Amino acid sequence: MFAHFPYSVGVANIAPFLDSLPHP
């Protein structure tokens, strides 16, 4: 979903996953 939709938001608890996301 982050890769597909340009306007994307993560809630703060996404922080541990950021390094593994090719499209944060």
PDBML (XML) file of the C-alpha atoms, coordinates in Angstrom:
<?xml version="1.0" encoding="UTF-8" ?>
<PDBx:datablock datablockName="MODEL"
   xmlns:PDBx="http://pdbml.pdb.org/schema/pdbx-v50.xsd"
   xmlns:xsi="http://www.w3.org/2001/XMLSchema-instance"
   xsi:schemaLocation="http://pdbml.pdb.org/schema/pdbx-v50.xsd pdbx-v50.xsd">
   <PDBx:atom_siteCategory>
      <PDBx:atom_site id="1">
         <PDBx:B_iso_or_equiv>0.00</PDBx:B_iso_or_equiv>
         <PDBx:Cartn_x>0.000</PDBx:Cartn_x>
         <PDBx:Cartn_y>0.000</PDBx:Cartn_y>
         <PDBx:Cartn_z>0.000</PDBx:Cartn_z>
         <PDBx:auth_asym_id>A</PDBx:auth_asym_id>
         <PDBx:auth_atom_id>CA</PDBx:auth_atom_id>
         <PDBx:auth_comp_id>MET</PDBx:auth_comp_id>
         <PDBx:auth_seq_id>1</PDBx:auth_seq_id>
         <PDBx:group_PDB>ATOM</PDBx:group_PDB>
         <PDBx:label_alt_id xsi:nil="true" />
         <PDBx:label_asym_id>A</PDBx:label_asym_id>
         <PDBx:label_atom_id>CA</PDBx:label_atom_id>
         <PDBx:label_comp_id>MET</PDBx:label_comp_id>
         <PDBx:label_entity_id>1</PDBx:label_entity_id>
         <PDBx:label_seq_id>1</PDBx:label_seq_id>
         <PDBx:occupancy>1.00</PDBx:occupancy>
         <PDBx:pdbx_PDB_model_num>1</PDBx:pdbx_PDB_model_num>
         <PDBx:type_symbol>C</PDBx:type_symbol>
      </PDBx:atom_site>
      <PDBx:atom_site id="2">
         <PDBx:B_iso_or_equiv>0.00</PDBx:B_iso_or_equiv>
         <PDBx:Cartn_x>2.845</PDBx:Cartn_x>
         <PDBx:Cartn_y>2.409</PDBx:Cartn_y>
         <PDBx:Cartn_z>0.806</PDBx:Cartn_z>
         <PDBx:auth_asym_id>A</PDBx:auth_asym_id>
         <PDBx:auth_atom_id>CA</PDBx:auth_atom_id>
         <PDBx:auth_comp_id>PHE</PDBx:auth_comp_id>
         <PDBx:auth_seq_id>2</PDBx:auth_seq_id>
         <PDBx:group_PDB>ATOM</PDBx:group_PDB>
         <PDBx:label_alt_id xsi:nil="true" />
         <PDBx:label_asym_id>A</PDBx:label_asym_id>
         <PDBx:label_atom_id>CA</PDBx:label_atom_id>
         <PDBx:label_comp_id>PHE</PDBx:label_comp_id>
         <PDBx:label_entity_id>1</PDBx:label_entity_id>
         <PDBx:label_seq_id>2</PDBx:label_seq_id>
         <PDBx:occupancy>1.00</PDBx:occupancy>
         <PDBx:pdbx_PDB_model_num>1</PDBx:pdbx_PDB_model_num>
         <PDBx:type_symbol>C</PDBx:type_symbol>
      </PDBx:atom_site>
      <PDBx:atom_site id="3">
         <PDBx:B_iso_or_equiv>0.00</PDBx:B_iso_or_equiv>
         <PDBx:Cartn_x>4.395</PDBx:Cartn_x>
         <PDBx:Cartn_y>1.635</PDBx:Cartn_y>
         <PDBx:Cartn_z>-2.581</PDBx:Cartn_z>
         <PDBx:auth_asym_id>A</PDBx:auth_asym_id>
         <PDBx:auth_atom_id>CA</PDBx:auth_atom_id>
         <PDBx:auth_comp_id>ALA</PDBx:auth_comp_id>
         <PDBx:auth_seq_id>3</PDBx:auth_seq_id>
         <PDBx:group_PDB>ATOM</PDBx:group_PDB>
         <PDBx:label_alt_id xsi:nil="true" />
         <PDBx:label_asym_id>A</PDBx:label_asym_id>
         <PDBx:label_atom_id>CA</PDBx:label_atom_id>
         <PDBx:label_comp_id>ALA</PDBx:label_comp_id>
         <PDBx:label_entity_id>1</PDBx:label_entity_id>
         <PDBx:label_seq_id>3</PDBx:label_seq_id>
         <PDBx:occupancy>1.00</PDBx:occupancy>
         <PDBx:pdbx_PDB_model_num>1</PDBx:pdbx_PDB_model_num>
         <PDBx:type_symbol>C</PDBx:type_symbol>
      </PDBx:atom_site>
      <PDBx:atom_site id="4">
         <PDBx:B_iso_or_equiv>0.00</PDBx:B_iso_or_equiv>
         <PDBx:Cartn_x>1.138</PDBx:Cartn_x>
         <PDBx:Cartn_y>1.942</PDBx:Cartn_y>
         <PDBx:Cartn_z>-4.529</PDBx:Cartn_z>
         <PDBx:auth_asym_id>A</PDBx:auth_asym_id>
         <PDBx:auth_atom_id>CA</PDBx:auth_atom_id>
         <PDBx:auth_comp_id>HIS</PDBx:auth_comp_id>
         <PDBx:auth_seq_id>4</PDBx:auth_seq_id>
         <PDBx:group_PDB>ATOM</PDBx:group_PDB>
         <PDBx:label_alt_id xsi:nil="true" />
         <PDBx:label_asym_id>A</PDBx:label_asym_id>
         <PDBx:label_atom_id>CA</PDBx:label_atom_id>
         <PDBx:label_comp_id>HIS</PDBx:label_comp_id>
         <PDBx:label_entity_id>1</PDBx:label_entity_id>
         <PDBx:label_seq_id>4</PDBx:label_seq_id>
         <PDBx:occupancy>1.00</PDBx:occupancy>
         <PDBx:pdbx_PDB_model_num>1</PDBx:pdbx_PDB_model_num>
         <PDBx:type_symbol>C</PDBx:type_symbol>
      </PDBx:atom_site>
      <PDBx:atom_site id="5">
         <PDBx:B_iso_or_equiv>0.00</PDBx:B_iso_or_equiv>
         <PDBx:Cartn_x>-0.364</PDBx:Cartn_x>
         <PDBx:Cartn_y>5.128</PDBx:Cartn_y>
         <PDBx:Cartn_z>-3.113</PDBx:Cartn_z>
         <PDBx:auth_asym_id>A</PDBx:auth_asym_id>
         <PDBx:auth_atom_id>CA</PDBx:auth_atom_id>
         <PDBx:auth_comp_id>PHE</PDBx:auth_comp_id>
         <PDBx:auth_seq_id>5</PDBx:auth_seq_id>
         <PDBx:group_PDB>ATOM</PDBx:group_PDB>
         <PDBx:label_alt_id xsi:nil="true" />
         <PDBx:label_asym_id>A</PDBx:label_asym_id>
         <PDBx:label_atom_id>CA</PDBx:label_atom_id>
         <PDBx:label_comp_id>PHE</PDBx:label_comp_id>
         <PDBx:label_entity_id>1</PDBx:label_entity_id>
         <PDBx:label_seq_id>5</PDBx:label_seq_id>
         <PDBx:occupancy>1.00</PDBx:occupancy>
         <PDBx:pdbx_PDB_model_num>1</PDBx:pdbx_PDB_model_num>
         <PDBx:type_symbol>C</PDBx:type_symbol>
      </PDBx:atom_site>
      <PDBx:atom_site id="6">
         <PDBx:B_iso_or_equiv>0.00</PDBx:B_iso_or_equiv>
         <PDBx:Cartn_x>1.806</PDBx:Cartn_x>
         <PDBx:Cartn_y>8.275</PDBx:Cartn_y>
         <PDBx:Cartn_z>-3.213</PDBx:Cartn_z>
         <PDBx:auth_asym_id>A</PDBx:auth_asym_id>
         <PDBx:auth_atom_id>CA</PDBx:auth_atom_id>
         <PDBx:auth_comp_id>PRO</PDBx:auth_comp_id>
         <PDBx:auth_seq_id>6</PDBx:auth_seq_id>
         <PDBx:group_PDB>ATOM</PDBx:group_PDB>
         <PDBx:label_alt_id xsi:nil="true" />
         <PDBx:label_asym_id>A</PDBx:label_asym_id>
         <PDBx:label_atom_id>CA</PDBx:label_atom_id>
         <PDBx:label_comp_id>PRO</PDBx:label_comp_id>
         <PDBx:label_entity_id>1</PDBx:label_entity_id>
         <PDBx:label_seq_id>6</PDBx:label_seq_id>
         <PDBx:occupancy>1.00</PDBx:occupancy>
         <PDBx:pdbx_PDB_model_num>1</PDBx:pdbx_PDB_model_num>
         <PDBx:type_symbol>C</PDBx:type_symbol>
      </PDBx:atom_site>
      <PDBx:atom_site id="7">
         <PDBx:B_iso_or_equiv>0.00</PDBx:B_iso_or_equiv>
         <PDBx:Cartn_x>-0.076</PDBx:Cartn_x>
         <PDBx:Cartn_y>9.930</PDBx:Cartn_y>
         <PDBx:Cartn_z>-0.352</PDBx:Cartn_z>
         <PDBx:auth_asym_id>A</PDBx:auth_asym_id>
         <PDBx:auth_atom_id>CA</PDBx:auth_atom_id>
         <PDBx:auth_comp_id>TYR</PDBx:auth_comp_id>
         <PDBx:auth_seq_id>7</PDBx:auth_seq_id>
         <PDBx:group_PDB>ATOM</PDBx:group_PDB>
         <PDBx:label_alt_id xsi:nil="true" />
         <PDBx:label_asym_id>A</PDBx:label_asym_id>
         <PDBx:label_atom_id>CA</PDBx:label_atom_id>
         <PDBx:label_comp_id>TYR</PDBx:label_comp_id>
         <PDBx:label_entity_id>1</PDBx:label_entity_id>
         <PDBx:label_seq_id>7</PDBx:label_seq_id>
         <PDBx:occupancy>1.00</PDBx:occupancy>
         <PDBx:pdbx_PDB_model_num>1</PDBx:pdbx_PDB_model_num>
         <PDBx:type_symbol>C</PDBx:type_symbol>
      </PDBx:atom_site>
      <PDBx:atom_site id="8">
         <PDBx:B_iso_or_equiv>0.00</PDBx:B_iso_or_equiv>
         <PDBx:Cartn_x>0.693</PDBx:Cartn_x>
         <PDBx:Cartn_y>7.521</PDBx:Cartn_y>
         <PDBx:Cartn_z>2.485</PDBx:Cartn_z>
         <PDBx:auth_asym_id>A</PDBx:auth_asym_id>
         <PDBx:auth_atom_id>CA</PDBx:auth_atom_id>
         <PDBx:auth_comp_id>SER</PDBx:auth_comp_id>
         <PDBx:auth_seq_id>8</PDBx:auth_seq_id>
         <PDBx:group_PDB>ATOM</PDBx:group_PDB>
         <PDBx:label_alt_id xsi:nil="true" />
         <PDBx:label_asym_id>A</PDBx:label_asym_id>
         <PDBx:label_atom_id>CA</PDBx:label_atom_id>
         <PDBx:label_comp_id>SER</PDBx:label_comp_id>
         <PDBx:label_entity_id>1</PDBx:label_entity_id>
         <PDBx:label_seq_id>8</PDBx:label_seq_id>
         <PDBx:occupancy>1.00</PDBx:occupancy>
         <PDBx:pdbx_PDB_model_num>1</PDBx:pdbx_PDB_model_num>
         <PDBx:type_symbol>C</PDBx:type_symbol>
      </PDBx:atom_site>
      <PDBx:atom_site id="9">
         <PDBx:B_iso_or_equiv>0.00</PDBx:B_iso_or_equiv>
         <PDBx:Cartn_x>1.030</PDBx:Cartn_x>
         <PDBx:Cartn_y>7.913</PDBx:Cartn_y>
         <PDBx:Cartn_z>6.231</PDBx:Cartn_z>
         <PDBx:auth_asym_id>A</PDBx:auth_asym_id>
         <PDBx:auth_atom_id>CA</PDBx:auth_atom_id>
         <PDBx:auth_comp_id>VAL</PDBx:auth_comp_id>
         <PDBx:auth_seq_id>9</PDBx:auth_seq_id>
         <PDBx:group_PDB>ATOM</PDBx:group_PDB>
         <PDBx:label_alt_id xsi:nil="true" />
         <PDBx:label_asym_id>A</PDBx:label_asym_id>
         <PDBx:label_atom_id>CA</PDBx:label_atom_id>
         <PDBx:label_comp_id>VAL</PDBx:label_comp_id>
         <PDBx:label_entity_id>1</PDBx:label_entity_id>
         <PDBx:label_seq_id>9</PDBx:label_seq_id>
         <PDBx:occupancy>1.00</PDBx:occupancy>
         <PDBx:pdbx_PDB_model_num>1</PDBx:pdbx_PDB_model_num>
         <PDBx:type_symbol>C</PDBx:type_symbol>
      </PDBx:atom_site>
      <PDBx:atom_site id="10">
         <PDBx:B_iso_or_equiv>0.00</PDBx:B_iso_or_equiv>
         <PDBx:Cartn_x>2.477</PDBx:Cartn_x>
         <PDBx:Cartn_y>5.717</PDBx:Cartn_y>
         <PDBx:Cartn_z>8.958</PDBx:Cartn_z>
         <PDBx:auth_asym_id>A</PDBx:auth_asym_id>
         <PDBx:auth_atom_id>CA</PDBx:auth_atom_id>
         <PDBx:auth_comp_id>GLY</PDBx:auth_comp_id>
         <PDBx:auth_seq_id>10</PDBx:auth_seq_id>
         <PDBx:group_PDB>ATOM</PDBx:group_PDB>
         <PDBx:label_alt_id xsi:nil="true" />
         <PDBx:label_asym_id>A</PDBx:label_asym_id>
         <PDBx:label_atom_id>CA</PDBx:label_atom_id>
         <PDBx:label_comp_id>GLY</PDBx:label_comp_id>
         <PDBx:label_entity_id>1</PDBx:label_entity_id>
         <PDBx:label_seq_id>10</PDBx:label_seq_id>
         <PDBx:occupancy>1.00</PDBx:occupancy>
         <PDBx:pdbx_PDB_model_num>1</PDBx:pdbx_PDB_model_num>
         <PDBx:type_symbol>C</PDBx:type_symbol>
      </PDBx:atom_site>
      <PDBx:atom_site id="11">
         <PDBx:B_iso_or_equiv>0.00</PDBx:B_iso_or_equiv>
         <PDBx:Cartn_x>1.407</PDBx:Cartn_x>
         <PDBx:Cartn_y>5.907</PDBx:Cartn_y>
         <PDBx:Cartn_z>12.582</PDBx:Cartn_z>
         <PDBx:auth_asym_id>A</PDBx:auth_asym_id>
         <PDBx:auth_atom_id>CA</PDBx:auth_atom_id>
         <PDBx:auth_comp_id>VAL</PDBx:auth_comp_id>
         <PDBx:auth_seq_id>11</PDBx:auth_seq_id>
         <PDBx:group_PDB>ATOM</PDBx:group_PDB>
         <PDBx:label_alt_id xsi:nil="true" />
         <PDBx:label_asym_id>A</PDBx:label_asym_id>
         <PDBx:label_atom_id>CA</PDBx:label_atom_id>
         <PDBx:label_comp_id>VAL</PDBx:label_comp_id>
         <PDBx:label_entity_id>1</PDBx:label_entity_id>
         <PDBx:label_seq_id>11</PDBx:label_seq_id>
         <PDBx:occupancy>1.00</PDBx:occupancy>
         <PDBx:pdbx_PDB_model_num>1</PDBx:pdbx_PDB_model_num>
         <PDBx:type_symbol>C</PDBx:type_symbol>
      </PDBx:atom_site>
      <PDBx:atom_site id="12">
         <PDBx:B_iso_or_equiv>0.00</PDBx:B_iso_or_equiv>
         <PDBx:Cartn_x>4.286</PDBx:Cartn_x>
         <PDBx:Cartn_y>6.408</PDBx:Cartn_y>
         <PDBx:Cartn_z>15.009</PDBx:Cartn_z>
         <PDBx:auth_asym_id>A</PDBx:auth_asym_id>
         <PDBx:auth_atom_id>CA</PDBx:auth_atom_id>
         <PDBx:auth_comp_id>ALA</PDBx:auth_comp_id>
         <PDBx:auth_seq_id>12</PDBx:auth_seq_id>
         <PDBx:group_PDB>ATOM</PDBx:group_PDB>
         <PDBx:label_alt_id xsi:nil="true" />
         <PDBx:label_asym_id>A</PDBx:label_asym_id>
         <PDBx:label_atom_id>CA</PDBx:label_atom_id>
         <PDBx:label_comp_id>ALA</PDBx:label_comp_id>
         <PDBx:label_entity_id>1</PDBx:label_entity_id>
         <PDBx:label_seq_id>12</PDBx:label_seq_id>
         <PDBx:occupancy>1.00</PDBx:occupancy>
         <PDBx:pdbx_PDB_model_num>1</PDBx:pdbx_PDB_model_num>
         <PDBx:type_symbol>C</PDBx:type_symbol>
      </PDBx:atom_site>
      <PDBx:atom_site id="13">
         <PDBx:B_iso_or_equiv>0.00</PDBx:B_iso_or_equiv>
         <PDBx:Cartn_x>4.567</PDBx:Cartn_x>
         <PDBx:Cartn_y>2.720</PDBx:Cartn_y>
         <PDBx:Cartn_z>15.919</PDBx:Cartn_z>
         <PDBx:auth_asym_id>A</PDBx:auth_asym_id>
         <PDBx:auth_atom_id>CA</PDBx:auth_atom_id>
         <PDBx:auth_comp_id>ASN</PDBx:auth_comp_id>
         <PDBx:auth_seq_id>13</PDBx:auth_seq_id>
         <PDBx:group_PDB>ATOM</PDBx:group_PDB>
         <PDBx:label_alt_id xsi:nil="true" />
         <PDBx:label_asym_id>A</PDBx:label_asym_id>
         <PDBx:label_atom_id>CA</PDBx:label_atom_id>
         <PDBx:label_comp_id>ASN</PDBx:label_comp_id>
         <PDBx:label_entity_id>1</PDBx:label_entity_id>
         <PDBx:label_seq_id>13</PDBx:label_seq_id>
         <PDBx:occupancy>1.00</PDBx:occupancy>
         <PDBx:pdbx_PDB_model_num>1</PDBx:pdbx_PDB_model_num>
         <PDBx:type_symbol>C</PDBx:type_symbol>
      </PDBx:atom_site>
      <PDBx:atom_site id="14">
         <PDBx:B_iso_or_equiv>0.00</PDBx:B_iso_or_equiv>
         <PDBx:Cartn_x>5.720</PDBx:Cartn_x>
         <PDBx:Cartn_y>1.938</PDBx:Cartn_y>
         <PDBx:Cartn_z>12.374</PDBx:Cartn_z>
         <PDBx:auth_asym_id>A</PDBx:auth_asym_id>
         <PDBx:auth_atom_id>CA</PDBx:auth_atom_id>
         <PDBx:auth_comp_id>ILE</PDBx:auth_comp_id>
         <PDBx:auth_seq_id>14</PDBx:auth_seq_id>
         <PDBx:group_PDB>ATOM</PDBx:group_PDB>
         <PDBx:label_alt_id xsi:nil="true" />
         <PDBx:label_asym_id>A</PDBx:label_asym_id>
         <PDBx:label_atom_id>CA</PDBx:label_atom_id>
         <PDBx:label_comp_id>ILE</PDBx:label_comp_id>
         <PDBx:label_entity_id>1</PDBx:label_entity_id>
         <PDBx:label_seq_id>14</PDBx:label_seq_id>
         <PDBx:occupancy>1.00</PDBx:occupancy>
         <PDBx:pdbx_PDB_model_num>1</PDBx:pdbx_PDB_model_num>
         <PDBx:type_symbol>C</PDBx:type_symbol>
      </PDBx:atom_site>
      <PDBx:atom_site id="15">
         <PDBx:B_iso_or_equiv>0.00</PDBx:B_iso_or_equiv>
         <PDBx:Cartn_x>9.226</PDBx:Cartn_x>
         <PDBx:Cartn_y>3.020</PDBx:Cartn_y>
         <PDBx:Cartn_z>13.403</PDBx:Cartn_z>
         <PDBx:auth_asym_id>A</PDBx:auth_asym_id>
         <PDBx:auth_atom_id>CA</PDBx:auth_atom_id>
         <PDBx:auth_comp_id>ALA</PDBx:auth_comp_id>
         <PDBx:auth_seq_id>15</PDBx:auth_seq_id>
         <PDBx:group_PDB>ATOM</PDBx:group_PDB>
         <PDBx:label_alt_id xsi:nil="true" />
         <PDBx:label_asym_id>A</PDBx:label_asym_id>
         <PDBx:label_atom_id>CA</PDBx:label_atom_id>
         <PDBx:label_comp_id>ALA</PDBx:label_comp_id>
         <PDBx:label_entity_id>1</PDBx:label_entity_id>
         <PDBx:label_seq_id>15</PDBx:label_seq_id>
         <PDBx:occupancy>1.00</PDBx:occupancy>
         <PDBx:pdbx_PDB_model_num>1</PDBx:pdbx_PDB_model_num>
         <PDBx:type_symbol>C</PDBx:type_symbol>
      </PDBx:atom_site>
      <PDBx:atom_site id="16">
         <PDBx:B_iso_or_equiv>0.00</PDBx:B_iso_or_equiv>
         <PDBx:Cartn_x>10.609</PDBx:Cartn_x>
         <PDBx:Cartn_y>-0.551</PDBx:Cartn_y>
         <PDBx:Cartn_z>13.964</PDBx:Cartn_z>
         <PDBx:auth_asym_id>A</PDBx:auth_asym_id>
         <PDBx:auth_atom_id>CA</PDBx:auth_atom_id>
         <PDBx:auth_comp_id>PRO</PDBx:auth_comp_id>
         <PDBx:auth_seq_id>16</PDBx:auth_seq_id>
         <PDBx:group_PDB>ATOM</PDBx:group_PDB>
         <PDBx:label_alt_id xsi:nil="true" />
         <PDBx:label_asym_id>A</PDBx:label_asym_id>
         <PDBx:label_atom_id>CA</PDBx:label_atom_id>
         <PDBx:label_comp_id>PRO</PDBx:label_comp_id>
         <PDBx:label_entity_id>1</PDBx:label_entity_id>
         <PDBx:label_seq_id>16</PDBx:label_seq_id>
         <PDBx:occupancy>1.00</PDBx:occupancy>
         <PDBx:pdbx_PDB_model_num>1</PDBx:pdbx_PDB_model_num>
         <PDBx:type_symbol>C</PDBx:type_symbol>
      </PDBx:atom_site>
      <PDBx:atom_site id="17">
         <PDBx:B_iso_or_equiv>0.00</PDBx:B_iso_or_equiv>
         <PDBx:Cartn_x>9.579</PDBx:Cartn_x>
         <PDBx:Cartn_y>-1.531</PDBx:Cartn_y>
         <PDBx:Cartn_z>10.416</PDBx:Cartn_z>
         <PDBx:auth_asym_id>A</PDBx:auth_asym_id>
         <PDBx:auth_atom_id>CA</PDBx:auth_atom_id>
         <PDBx:auth_comp_id>PHE</PDBx:auth_comp_id>
         <PDBx:auth_seq_id>17</PDBx:auth_seq_id>
         <PDBx:group_PDB>ATOM</PDBx:group_PDB>
         <PDBx:label_alt_id xsi:nil="true" />
         <PDBx:label_asym_id>A</PDBx:label_asym_id>
         <PDBx:label_atom_id>CA</PDBx:label_atom_id>
         <PDBx:label_comp_id>PHE</PDBx:label_comp_id>
         <PDBx:label_entity_id>1</PDBx:label_entity_id>
         <PDBx:label_seq_id>17</PDBx:label_seq_id>
         <PDBx:occupancy>1.00</PDBx:occupancy>
         <PDBx:pdbx_PDB_model_num>1</PDBx:pdbx_PDB_model_num>
         <PDBx:type_symbol>C</PDBx:type_symbol>
      </PDBx:atom_site>
      <PDBx:atom_site id="18">
         <PDBx:B_iso_or_equiv>0.00</PDBx:B_iso_or_equiv>
         <PDBx:Cartn_x>10.967</PDBx:Cartn_x>
         <PDBx:Cartn_y>1.469</PDBx:Cartn_y>
         <PDBx:Cartn_z>8.527</PDBx:Cartn_z>
         <PDBx:auth_asym_id>A</PDBx:auth_asym_id>
         <PDBx:auth_atom_id>CA</PDBx:auth_atom_id>
         <PDBx:auth_comp_id>LEU</PDBx:auth_comp_id>
         <PDBx:auth_seq_id>18</PDBx:auth_seq_id>
         <PDBx:group_PDB>ATOM</PDBx:group_PDB>
         <PDBx:label_alt_id xsi:nil="true" />
         <PDBx:label_asym_id>A</PDBx:label_asym_id>
         <PDBx:label_atom_id>CA</PDBx:label_atom_id>
         <PDBx:label_comp_id>LEU</PDBx:label_comp_id>
         <PDBx:label_entity_id>1</PDBx:label_entity_id>
         <PDBx:label_seq_id>18</PDBx:label_seq_id>
         <PDBx:occupancy>1.00</PDBx:occupancy>
         <PDBx:pdbx_PDB_model_num>1</PDBx:pdbx_PDB_model_num>
         <PDBx:type_symbol>C</PDBx:type_symbol>
      </PDBx:atom_site>
      <PDBx:atom_site id="19">
         <PDBx:B_iso_or_equiv>0.00</PDBx:B_iso_or_equiv>
         <PDBx:Cartn_x>14.388</PDBx:Cartn_x>
         <PDBx:Cartn_y>0.014</PDBx:Cartn_y>
         <PDBx:Cartn_z>7.762</PDBx:Cartn_z>
         <PDBx:auth_asym_id>A</PDBx:auth_asym_id>
         <PDBx:auth_atom_id>CA</PDBx:auth_atom_id>
         <PDBx:auth_comp_id>ASP</PDBx:auth_comp_id>
         <PDBx:auth_seq_id>19</PDBx:auth_seq_id>
         <PDBx:group_PDB>ATOM</PDBx:group_PDB>
         <PDBx:label_alt_id xsi:nil="true" />
         <PDBx:label_asym_id>A</PDBx:label_asym_id>
         <PDBx:label_atom_id>CA</PDBx:label_atom_id>
         <PDBx:label_comp_id>ASP</PDBx:label_comp_id>
         <PDBx:label_entity_id>1</PDBx:label_entity_id>
         <PDBx:label_seq_id>19</PDBx:label_seq_id>
         <PDBx:occupancy>1.00</PDBx:occupancy>
         <PDBx:pdbx_PDB_model_num>1</PDBx:pdbx_PDB_model_num>
         <PDBx:type_symbol>C</PDBx:type_symbol>
      </PDBx:atom_site>
      <PDBx:atom_site id="20">
         <PDBx:B_iso_or_equiv>0.00</PDBx:B_iso_or_equiv>
         <PDBx:Cartn_x>12.801</PDBx:Cartn_x>
         <PDBx:Cartn_y>-3.053</PDBx:Cartn_y>
         <PDBx:Cartn_z>6.124</PDBx:Cartn_z>
         <PDBx:auth_asym_id>A</PDBx:auth_asym_id>
         <PDBx:auth_atom_id>CA</PDBx:auth_atom_id>
         <PDBx:auth_comp_id>SER</PDBx:auth_comp_id>
         <PDBx:auth_seq_id>20</PDBx:auth_seq_id>
         <PDBx:group_PDB>ATOM</PDBx:group_PDB>
         <PDBx:label_alt_id xsi:nil="true" />
         <PDBx:label_asym_id>A</PDBx:label_asym_id>
         <PDBx:label_atom_id>CA</PDBx:label_atom_id>
         <PDBx:label_comp_id>SER</PDBx:label_comp_id>
         <PDBx:label_entity_id>1</PDBx:label_entity_id>
         <PDBx:label_seq_id>20</PDBx:label_seq_id>
         <PDBx:occupancy>1.00</PDBx:occupancy>
         <PDBx:pdbx_PDB_model_num>1</PDBx:pdbx_PDB_model_num>
         <PDBx:type_symbol>C</PDBx:type_symbol>
      </PDBx:atom_site>
      <PDBx:atom_site id="21">
         <PDBx:B_iso_or_equiv>0.00</PDBx:B_iso_or_equiv>
         <PDBx:Cartn_x>10.336</PDBx:Cartn_x>
         <PDBx:Cartn_y>-1.108</PDBx:Cartn_y>
         <PDBx:Cartn_z>3.942</PDBx:Cartn_z>
         <PDBx:auth_asym_id>A</PDBx:auth_asym_id>
         <PDBx:auth_atom_id>CA</PDBx:auth_atom_id>
         <PDBx:auth_comp_id>LEU</PDBx:auth_comp_id>
         <PDBx:auth_seq_id>21</PDBx:auth_seq_id>
         <PDBx:group_PDB>ATOM</PDBx:group_PDB>
         <PDBx:label_alt_id xsi:nil="true" />
         <PDBx:label_asym_id>A</PDBx:label_asym_id>
         <PDBx:label_atom_id>CA</PDBx:label_atom_id>
         <PDBx:label_comp_id>LEU</PDBx:label_comp_id>
         <PDBx:label_entity_id>1</PDBx:label_entity_id>
         <PDBx:label_seq_id>21</PDBx:label_seq_id>
         <PDBx:occupancy>1.00</PDBx:occupancy>
         <PDBx:pdbx_PDB_model_num>1</PDBx:pdbx_PDB_model_num>
         <PDBx:type_symbol>C</PDBx:type_symbol>
      </PDBx:atom_site>
      <PDBx:atom_site id="22">
         <PDBx:B_iso_or_equiv>0.00</PDBx:B_iso_or_equiv>
         <PDBx:Cartn_x>11.515</PDBx:Cartn_x>
         <PDBx:Cartn_y>-0.527</PDBx:Cartn_y>
         <PDBx:Cartn_z>0.346</PDBx:Cartn_z>
         <PDBx:auth_asym_id>A</PDBx:auth_asym_id>
         <PDBx:auth_atom_id>CA</PDBx:auth_atom_id>
         <PDBx:auth_comp_id>PRO</PDBx:auth_comp_id>
         <PDBx:auth_seq_id>22</PDBx:auth_seq_id>
         <PDBx:group_PDB>ATOM</PDBx:group_PDB>
         <PDBx:label_alt_id xsi:nil="true" />
         <PDBx:label_asym_id>A</PDBx:label_asym_id>
         <PDBx:label_atom_id>CA</PDBx:label_atom_id>
         <PDBx:label_comp_id>PRO</PDBx:label_comp_id>
         <PDBx:label_entity_id>1</PDBx:label_entity_id>
         <PDBx:label_seq_id>22</PDBx:label_seq_id>
         <PDBx:occupancy>1.00</PDBx:occupancy>
         <PDBx:pdbx_PDB_model_num>1</PDBx:pdbx_PDB_model_num>
         <PDBx:type_symbol>C</PDBx:type_symbol>
      </PDBx:atom_site>
      <PDBx:atom_site id="23">
         <PDBx:B_iso_or_equiv>0.00</PDBx:B_iso_or_equiv>
         <PDBx:Cartn_x>8.852</PDBx:Cartn_x>
         <PDBx:Cartn_y>2.206</PDBx:Cartn_y>
         <PDBx:Cartn_z>0.069</PDBx:Cartn_z>
         <PDBx:auth_asym_id>A</PDBx:auth_asym_id>
         <PDBx:auth_atom_id>CA</PDBx:auth_atom_id>
         <PDBx:auth_comp_id>HIS</PDBx:auth_comp_id>
         <PDBx:auth_seq_id>23</PDBx:auth_seq_id>
         <PDBx:group_PDB>ATOM</PDBx:group_PDB>
         <PDBx:label_alt_id xsi:nil="true" />
         <PDBx:label_asym_id>A</PDBx:label_asym_id>
         <PDBx:label_atom_id>CA</PDBx:label_atom_id>
         <PDBx:label_comp_id>HIS</PDBx:label_comp_id>
         <PDBx:label_entity_id>1</PDBx:label_entity_id>
         <PDBx:label_seq_id>23</PDBx:label_seq_id>
         <PDBx:occupancy>1.00</PDBx:occupancy>
         <PDBx:pdbx_PDB_model_num>1</PDBx:pdbx_PDB_model_num>
         <PDBx:type_symbol>C</PDBx:type_symbol>
      </PDBx:atom_site>
      <PDBx:atom_site id="24">
         <PDBx:B_iso_or_equiv>0.00</PDBx:B_iso_or_equiv>
         <PDBx:Cartn_x>8.231</PDBx:Cartn_x>
         <PDBx:Cartn_y>3.858</PDBx:Cartn_y>
         <PDBx:Cartn_z>3.443</PDBx:Cartn_z>
         <PDBx:auth_asym_id>A</PDBx:auth_asym_id>
         <PDBx:auth_atom_id>CA</PDBx:auth_atom_id>
         <PDBx:auth_comp_id>PRO</PDBx:auth_comp_id>
         <PDBx:auth_seq_id>24</PDBx:auth_seq_id>
         <PDBx:group_PDB>ATOM</PDBx:group_PDB>
         <PDBx:label_alt_id xsi:nil="true" />
         <PDBx:label_asym_id>A</PDBx:label_asym_id>
         <PDBx:label_atom_id>CA</PDBx:label_atom_id>
         <PDBx:label_comp_id>PRO</PDBx:label_comp_id>
         <PDBx:label_entity_id>1</PDBx:label_entity_id>
         <PDBx:label_seq_id>24</PDBx:label_seq_id>
         <PDBx:occupancy>1.00</PDBx:occupancy>
         <PDBx:pdbx_PDB_model_num>1</PDBx:pdbx_PDB_model_num>
         <PDBx:type_symbol>C</PDBx:type_symbol>
      </PDBx:atom_site>
   </PDBx:atom_siteCategory>
</PDBx:datablock>
